C-alpha atoms as a PDB file:
ATOM      1  CA  MET A   1     119.180 115.770 114.238  1.00  0.00           C
ATOM      2  CA  ARG A   2     119.087 114.240 111.401  1.00  0.00           C
ATOM      3  CA  ILE A   3     122.524 111.927 110.768  1.00  0.00           C
ATOM      4  CA  SER A   4     124.005 109.422 108.386  1.00  0.00           C
ATOM      5  CA  ALA A   5     126.343 107.905 110.691  1.00  0.00           C
ATOM      6  CA  ARG A   6     124.187 104.592 112.663  1.00  0.00           C
ATOM      7  CA  ASN A   7     126.218 104.418 115.491  1.00  0.00           C
ATOM      8  CA  GLN A   8     124.699 106.492 117.773  1.00  0.00           C
ATOM      9  CA  LEU A   9     125.567 106.083 121.819  1.00  0.00           C
ATOM     10  CA  LYS A  10     123.191 108.206 123.721  1.00  0.00           C
ATOM     11  CA  GLY A  11     124.648 109.423 127.560  1.00  0.00           C
ATOM     12  CA  LYS A  12     125.492 112.078 129.607  1.00  0.00           C
ATOM     13  CA  ILE A  13     128.163 114.283 130.130  1.00  0.00           C
ATOM     14  CA  VAL A  14     130.554 112.547 133.020  1.00  0.00           C
ATOM     15  CA  ALA A  15     133.697 115.443 133.072  1.00  0.00           C
ATOM     16  CA  ILE A  16     134.739 117.904 130.633  1.00  0.00           C
ATOM     17  CA  ASP A  17     138.450 119.122 130.558  1.00  0.00           C
ATOM     18  CA  HIS A  18     139.323 121.968 128.403  1.00  0.00           C
ATOM     19  CA  GLY A  19     142.685 121.968 126.560  1.00  0.00           C
ATOM     20  CA  VAL A  20     144.471 125.012 124.717  1.00  0.00           C
ATOM     21  CA  THR A  21     142.955 124.324 121.182  1.00  0.00           C
ATOM     22  CA  THR A  22     140.693 120.884 121.874  1.00  0.00           C
ATOM     23  CA  THR A  23     138.392 119.307 124.354  1.00  0.00           C
ATOM     24  CA  HIS A  24     137.669 115.913 125.784  1.00  0.00           C
ATOM     25  CA  VAL A  25     134.208 115.358 126.340  1.00  0.00           C
ATOM     26  CA  LYS A  26     133.521 111.931 128.729  1.00  0.00           C
ATOM     27  CA  ILE A  27     130.269 110.393 127.993  1.00  0.00           C
ATOM     28  CA  ASP A  28     128.512 107.874 130.200  1.00  0.00           C
ATOM     29  CA  VAL A  29     126.781 105.692 127.665  1.00  0.00           C
ATOM     30  CA  GLY A  30     125.250 102.589 129.793  1.00  0.00           C
ATOM     31  CA  GLY A  31     128.082 102.193 132.479  1.00  0.00           C
ATOM     32  CA  ASN A  32     131.036 102.647 129.626  1.00  0.00           C
ATOM     33  CA  VAL A  33     132.556 106.337 129.007  1.00  0.00           C
ATOM     34  CA  ILE A  34     133.532 107.300 126.076  1.00  0.00           C
ATOM     35  CA  THR A  35     135.642 109.846 125.295  1.00  0.00           C
ATOM     36  CA  ALA A  36     135.967 112.709 122.418  1.00  0.00           C
ATOM     37  CA  ALA A  37     138.315 114.502 121.350  1.00  0.00           C
ATOM     38  CA  ILE A  38     136.734 118.051 120.290  1.00  0.00           C
ATOM     39  CA  THR A  39     137.955 121.036 118.907  1.00  0.00           C
ATOM     40  CA  LYS A  40     137.703 123.733 121.965  1.00  0.00           C
ATOM     41  CA  THR A  41     135.503 126.351 119.738  1.00  0.00           C
ATOM     42  CA  SER A  42     133.357 123.872 118.840  1.00  0.00           C
ATOM     43  CA  ALA A  43     132.668 122.684 122.772  1.00  0.00           C
ATOM     44  CA  ASP A  44     131.893 126.084 123.522  1.00  0.00           C
ATOM     45  CA  GLU A  45     128.989 126.426 120.478  1.00  0.00           C
ATOM     46  CA  LEU A  46     127.096 123.398 121.429  1.00  0.00           C
ATOM     47  CA  GLY A  47     126.988 124.564 125.379  1.00  0.00           C
ATOM     48  CA  LEU A  48     128.369 121.593 126.446  1.00  0.00           C
ATOM     49  CA  ALA A  49     128.235 120.571 130.344  1.00  0.00           C
ATOM     50  CA  VAL A  50     129.024 117.765 132.991  1.00  0.00           C
ATOM     51  CA  GLY A  51     125.138 116.438 133.671  1.00  0.00           C
ATOM     52  CA  LYS A  52     123.772 117.066 129.791  1.00  0.00           C
ATOM     53  CA  MET A  53     122.897 114.318 128.238  1.00  0.00           C
ATOM     54  CA  ALA A  54     124.928 114.165 124.870  1.00  0.00           C
ATOM     55  CA  THR A  55     125.312 111.627 121.951  1.00  0.00           C
ATOM     56  CA  ALA A  56     128.349 110.149 121.190  1.00  0.00           C
ATOM     57  CA  ILE A  57     128.725 109.496 117.018  1.00  0.00           C
ATOM     58  CA  VAL A  58     131.085 107.082 115.827  1.00  0.00           C
ATOM     59  CA  LYS A  59     131.559 107.503 111.915  1.00  0.00           C
ATOM     60  CA  ALA A  60     134.795 104.897 110.374  1.00  0.00           C
ATOM     61  CA  SER A  61     135.851 103.205 107.442  1.00  0.00           C
ATOM     62  CA  ASP A  62     137.318 100.803 109.801  1.00  0.00           C
ATOM     63  CA  VAL A  63     136.591  98.791 113.265  1.00  0.00           C
ATOM     64  CA  MET A  64     139.470  96.911 114.767  1.00  0.00           C
ATOM     65  CA  VAL A  65     138.772  93.668 117.480  1.00  0.00           C
ATOM     66  CA  GLY A  66     140.303  93.552 120.189  1.00  0.00           C
ATOM     67  CA  VAL A  67     140.683  90.898 122.398  1.00  0.00           C
ATOM     68  CA  ASP A  68     142.570  88.995 125.832  1.00  0.00           C
END
């Protein structure tokens, strides 16, 4: 896969929660879990499954920073 987004985080799918129209996919990336909200149709077409490797791709015009 070739894509222009530079923020590509490879990991393993640890949970998939299907809603009526939206699916939440949790990907463990080096001990941190990223949750992606995608359409149920896209999740089905990608053949997502717990334990399968996947890449979280982040494309954003803004990056927010927070501190405690």
